[in-house]
């Protein structure tokens, strides 16, 4: 059974979901089709926003649906 989570997309929520699934930046990047630098820079606060399409890709890879604030 697959579980899906709905949460606000923040650096902290992304970090918790990624680490909770035991994924590195590289692994999540490959699953989502985005660069590991993109994910890492958002989690670390160097990137302040993520586009809708990218959020959907990352959410799908993590089994989550993100609310964009």
C-alpha atoms as a PDB file:
ATOM      1  CA  UNK A   1       0.000   0.000   0.000  1.00  0.00           C
ATOM      2  CA  UNK A   2       1.290   3.471  -0.878  1.00  0.00           C
ATOM      3  CA  UNK A   3       0.833   6.298   1.591  1.00  0.00           C
ATOM      4  CA  UNK A   4       0.513   9.870   0.413  1.00  0.00           C
ATOM      5  CA  UNK A   5       1.090  12.946   2.529  1.00  0.00           C
ATOM      6  CA  UNK A   6      -0.201  16.441   1.923  1.00  0.00           C
ATOM      7  CA  UNK A   7       1.884  19.209   3.426  1.00  0.00           C
ATOM      8  CA  UNK A   8       3.183  22.689   2.784  1.00  0.00           C
ATOM      9  CA  UNK A   9       6.397  22.648   0.777  1.00  0.00           C
ATOM     10  CA  UNK A  10       9.066  24.142   2.999  1.00  0.00           C
ATOM     11  CA  UNK A  11      12.764  23.366   3.317  1.00  0.00           C
ATOM     12  CA  UNK A  12      12.009  21.551   6.566  1.00  0.00           C
ATOM     13  CA  UNK A  13       9.141  19.441   5.187  1.00  0.00           C
ATOM     14  CA  UNK A  14      11.221  18.448   2.177  1.00  0.00           C
ATOM     15  CA  UNK A  15      14.138  17.496   4.417  1.00  0.00           C
ATOM     16  CA  UNK A  16      11.937  15.417   6.740  1.00  0.00           C
ATOM     17  CA  UNK A  17      10.253  13.529   3.891  1.00  0.00           C
ATOM     18  CA  UNK A  18      13.525  12.928   2.024  1.00  0.00           C
ATOM     19  CA  UNK A  19      15.434  11.734   5.092  1.00  0.00           C
ATOM     20  CA  UNK A  20      12.422   9.737   6.301  1.00  0.00           C
ATOM     21  CA  UNK A  21      12.627   7.700   3.118  1.00  0.00           C
ATOM     22  CA  UNK A  22      16.376   7.337   3.425  1.00  0.00           C
ATOM     23  CA  UNK A  23      17.081   9.260   0.235  1.00  0.00           C
ATOM     24  CA  UNK A  24      20.131  11.364  -0.530  1.00  0.00           C
ATOM     25  CA  UNK A  25      19.928  14.538  -2.596  1.00  0.00           C
ATOM     26  CA  UNK A  26      21.259  12.572  -5.560  1.00  0.00           C
ATOM     27  CA  UNK A  27      18.741   9.739  -5.175  1.00  0.00           C
ATOM     28  CA  UNK A  28      15.764  12.084  -4.854  1.00  0.00           C
ATOM     29  CA  UNK A  29      17.020  14.148  -7.771  1.00  0.00           C
ATOM     30  CA  UNK A  30      17.167  11.062  -9.982  1.00  0.00           C
ATOM     31  CA  UNK A  31      13.694   9.914  -8.925  1.00  0.00           C
ATOM     32  CA  UNK A  32      12.203  13.373  -9.469  1.00  0.00           C
ATOM     33  CA  UNK A  33      14.149  14.288 -12.598  1.00  0.00           C
ATOM     34  CA  UNK A  34      15.738  17.390 -11.079  1.00  0.00           C
ATOM     35  CA  UNK A  35      19.306  18.139 -10.086  1.00  0.00           C
ATOM     36  CA  UNK A  36      20.575  17.294  -6.629  1.00  0.00           C
ATOM     37  CA  UNK A  37      21.842  20.884  -6.414  1.00  0.00           C
ATOM     38  CA  UNK A  38      18.281  22.172  -6.892  1.00  0.00           C
ATOM     39  CA  UNK A  39      16.986  20.063  -3.996  1.00  0.00           C
ATOM     40  CA  UNK A  40      19.969  20.786  -1.781  1.00  0.00           C
ATOM     41  CA  UNK A  41      19.804  24.548  -2.364  1.00  0.00           C
ATOM     42  CA  UNK A  42      16.088  24.623  -1.450  1.00  0.00           C
ATOM     43  CA  UNK A  43      16.582  22.576   1.704  1.00  0.00           C
ATOM     44  CA  UNK A  44      19.503  24.773   2.752  1.00  0.00           C
ATOM     45  CA  UNK A  45      17.678  28.046   2.075  1.00  0.00           C
ATOM     46  CA  UNK A  46      19.778  29.246  -0.858  1.00  0.00           C
ATOM     47  CA  UNK A  47      16.740  28.832  -3.137  1.00  0.00           C
ATOM     48  CA  UNK A  48      13.606  30.441  -1.732  1.00  0.00           C
ATOM     49  CA  UNK A  49      10.973  28.937  -4.015  1.00  0.00           C
ATOM     50  CA  UNK A  50      10.232  25.964  -6.234  1.00  0.00           C
ATOM     51  CA  UNK A  51       8.055  26.041  -9.336  1.00  0.00           C
ATOM     52  CA  UNK A  52       4.785  24.142  -9.486  1.00  0.00           C
ATOM     53  CA  UNK A  53       5.997  21.572 -12.017  1.00  0.00           C
ATOM     54  CA  UNK A  54       9.125  20.846 -10.015  1.00  0.00           C
ATOM     55  CA  UNK A  55       7.152  20.595  -6.769  1.00  0.00           C
ATOM     56  CA  UNK A  56       4.879  18.034  -8.428  1.00  0.00           C
ATOM     57  CA  UNK A  57       7.867  15.996  -9.626  1.00  0.00           C
ATOM     58  CA  UNK A  58       9.454  15.993  -6.188  1.00  0.00           C
ATOM     59  CA  UNK A  59       6.126  15.238  -4.533  1.00  0.00           C
ATOM     60  CA  UNK A  60       5.497  12.299  -6.826  1.00  0.00           C
ATOM     61  CA  UNK A  61       8.955  10.906  -6.098  1.00  0.00           C
ATOM     62  CA  UNK A  62       8.290  11.185  -2.346  1.00  0.00           C
ATOM     63  CA  UNK A  63       4.660  10.033  -2.422  1.00  0.00           C
ATOM     64  CA  UNK A  64       3.544  13.476  -1.256  1.00  0.00           C
ATOM     65  CA  UNK A  65       1.398  16.295  -2.533  1.00  0.00           C
ATOM     66  CA  UNK A  66       2.714  19.713  -1.637  1.00  0.00           C
ATOM     67  CA  UNK A  67       0.764  22.862  -0.934  1.00  0.00           C
ATOM     68  CA  UNK A  68       2.652  25.860  -2.280  1.00  0.00           C
ATOM     69  CA  UNK A  69       2.477  28.957  -0.124  1.00  0.00           C
END
